[in-house]
Amino acid sequence: MVIELHRISVAKDTLRQWMTEAGIWISRRERKKRVFQPRGRRDCFGELVQIDGAHHWWLEKRGAKCALLVYIDDATGRSVR
C-alpha cells in the first residue's frame, strides 16, 4: 500500500529500527502475556456439564459427515451419558 501511494520501499529491518527509535515498536518478548485465572471446578456432579463437538467423516466417507458430541462433567472430569 505504501509503495503504491508514495513510491517508497523500505526494508522490514529498517522500518523496525525506526519504530524502535520512535518508541512505537514492542518486541514479542516485551509484550505482556495475558494472565488467565484458572477457574475452580464445580463442587457437585451435574452442576455444570460442558459440551464439545466436532464435524468429521467418522464413517470414512461411507456415509454423511457426522458430528460427535461429548458431554463432560466439570466436577469429576468424566464423560456423561
C-alpha atoms as a PDB file:
ATOM      1  CA  MET A   1       0.000   0.000   0.000  1.00  0.00           C
ATOM      2  CA  VAL A   2       2.779   2.437   0.898  1.00  0.00           C
ATOM      3  CA  ILE A   3       4.645   1.589  -2.303  1.00  0.00           C
ATOM      4  CA  GLU A   4       1.600   2.316  -4.478  1.00  0.00           C
ATOM      5  CA  LEU A   5       0.727   5.607  -2.738  1.00  0.00           C
ATOM      6  CA  HIS A   6       4.143   7.109  -2.039  1.00  0.00           C
ATOM      7  CA  ARG A   7       6.556   5.095  -4.229  1.00  0.00           C
ATOM      8  CA  ILE A   8       8.683   4.312  -1.161  1.00  0.00           C
ATOM      9  CA  SER A   9      10.204   0.922  -0.450  1.00  0.00           C
ATOM     10  CA  VAL A  10      11.774   0.264   2.965  1.00  0.00           C
ATOM     11  CA  ALA A  11      13.262  -2.968   4.307  1.00  0.00           C
ATOM     12  CA  LYS A  12      11.484  -4.576   7.263  1.00  0.00           C
ATOM     13  CA  ASP A  13      14.548  -4.256   9.489  1.00  0.00           C
ATOM     14  CA  THR A  14      14.918  -0.563   8.692  1.00  0.00           C
ATOM     15  CA  LEU A  15      11.261   0.096   9.470  1.00  0.00           C
ATOM     16  CA  ARG A  16      11.535  -1.885  12.725  1.00  0.00           C
ATOM     17  CA  GLN A  17      14.621   0.127  13.717  1.00  0.00           C
ATOM     18  CA  TRP A  18      12.822   3.416  13.007  1.00  0.00           C
ATOM     19  CA  MET A  19       9.811   2.302  15.006  1.00  0.00           C
ATOM     20  CA  THR A  20      12.036   1.188  17.916  1.00  0.00           C
ATOM     21  CA  GLU A  21      13.778   4.563  17.974  1.00  0.00           C
ATOM     22  CA  ALA A  22      10.377   6.301  17.951  1.00  0.00           C
ATOM     23  CA  GLY A  23       9.203   4.093  20.816  1.00  0.00           C
ATOM     24  CA  ILE A  24       6.300   2.522  18.923  1.00  0.00           C
ATOM     25  CA  TRP A  25       7.770  -0.956  18.319  1.00  0.00           C
ATOM     26  CA  ILE A  26       7.452  -3.553  21.043  1.00  0.00           C
ATOM     27  CA  SER A  27       9.161  -6.886  20.559  1.00  0.00           C
ATOM     28  CA  ARG A  28       7.286 -10.093  21.259  1.00  0.00           C
ATOM     29  CA  ARG A  29       9.403 -10.744  24.341  1.00  0.00           C
ATOM     30  CA  GLU A  30       8.481  -7.360  25.807  1.00  0.00           C
ATOM     31  CA  ARG A  31       4.742  -7.716  25.162  1.00  0.00           C
ATOM     32  CA  LYS A  32       2.807  -8.597  28.257  1.00  0.00           C
ATOM     33  CA  LYS A  33       1.249 -12.007  28.262  1.00  0.00           C
ATOM     34  CA  ARG A  34      -2.383 -12.149  29.304  1.00  0.00           C
ATOM     35  CA  VAL A  35      -2.773 -13.898  32.604  1.00  0.00           C
ATOM     36  CA  PHE A  36      -5.788 -16.158  32.835  1.00  0.00           C
ATOM     37  CA  GLN A  37      -7.144 -17.050  36.227  1.00  0.00           C
ATOM     38  CA  PRO A  38      -7.840 -20.768  36.467  1.00  0.00           C
ATOM     39  CA  ARG A  39     -11.456 -21.435  37.285  1.00  0.00           C
ATOM     40  CA  GLY A  40     -12.067 -23.903  40.065  1.00  0.00           C
ATOM     41  CA  ARG A  41     -14.112 -26.993  39.356  1.00  0.00           C
ATOM     42  CA  ARG A  42     -17.732 -27.171  40.465  1.00  0.00           C
ATOM     43  CA  ASP A  43     -18.470 -28.959  43.709  1.00  0.00           C
ATOM     44  CA  CYS A  44     -21.339 -31.243  42.712  1.00  0.00           C
ATOM     45  CA  PHE A  45     -21.729 -33.777  39.929  1.00  0.00           C
ATOM     46  CA  GLY A  46     -24.085 -32.425  37.228  1.00  0.00           C
ATOM     47  CA  GLU A  47     -23.832 -28.797  38.317  1.00  0.00           C
ATOM     48  CA  LEU A  48     -22.007 -27.859  35.118  1.00  0.00           C
ATOM     49  CA  VAL A  49     -21.780 -30.071  32.044  1.00  0.00           C
ATOM     50  CA  GLN A  50     -19.576 -28.868  29.201  1.00  0.00           C
ATOM     51  CA  ILE A  51     -20.339 -29.927  25.632  1.00  0.00           C
ATOM     52  CA  ASP A  52     -17.757 -30.245  22.872  1.00  0.00           C
ATOM     53  CA  GLY A  53     -18.269 -31.434  19.322  1.00  0.00           C
ATOM     54  CA  ALA A  54     -16.528 -31.956  16.011  1.00  0.00           C
ATOM     55  CA  HIS A  55     -17.801 -32.408  12.441  1.00  0.00           C
ATOM     56  CA  HIS A  56     -15.791 -35.134  10.770  1.00  0.00           C
ATOM     57  CA  TRP A  57     -16.001 -38.005   8.309  1.00  0.00           C
ATOM     58  CA  TRP A  58     -16.353 -40.510  11.161  1.00  0.00           C
ATOM     59  CA  LEU A  59     -17.589 -43.232   8.774  1.00  0.00           C
ATOM     60  CA  GLU A  60     -14.635 -42.788   6.384  1.00  0.00           C
ATOM     61  CA  LYS A  61     -16.814 -41.183   3.686  1.00  0.00           C
ATOM     62  CA  ARG A  62     -19.119 -44.220   3.592  1.00  0.00           C
ATOM     63  CA  GLY A  63     -21.874 -42.032   4.974  1.00  0.00           C
ATOM     64  CA  ALA A  64     -22.648 -38.407   5.636  1.00  0.00           C
ATOM     65  CA  LYS A  65     -20.359 -36.140   7.624  1.00  0.00           C
ATOM     66  CA  CYS A  66     -21.369 -36.518  11.286  1.00  0.00           C
ATOM     67  CA  ALA A  67     -20.942 -34.540  14.477  1.00  0.00           C
ATOM     68  CA  LEU A  68     -19.545 -36.303  17.533  1.00  0.00           C
ATOM     69  CA  LEU A  69     -20.686 -34.667  20.769  1.00  0.00           C
ATOM     70  CA  VAL A  70     -19.054 -35.267  24.139  1.00  0.00           C
ATOM     71  CA  TYR A  71     -20.607 -34.191  27.449  1.00  0.00           C
ATOM     72  CA  ILE A  72     -18.087 -33.718  30.279  1.00  0.00           C
ATOM     73  CA  ASP A  73     -18.994 -33.160  33.910  1.00  0.00           C
ATOM     74  CA  ASP A  74     -16.988 -30.301  35.375  1.00  0.00           C
ATOM     75  CA  ALA A  75     -16.861 -31.616  38.946  1.00  0.00           C
ATOM     76  CA  THR A  76     -15.392 -35.008  38.052  1.00  0.00           C
ATOM     77  CA  GLY A  77     -13.933 -34.541  34.572  1.00  0.00           C
ATOM     78  CA  ARG A  78     -15.738 -37.696  33.396  1.00  0.00           C
ATOM     79  CA  SER A  79     -17.860 -38.020  30.279  1.00  0.00           C
ATOM     80  CA  VAL A  80     -21.595 -38.100  30.901  1.00  0.00           C
ATOM     81  CA  ARG A  81     -24.018 -40.391  29.063  1.00  0.00           C
END
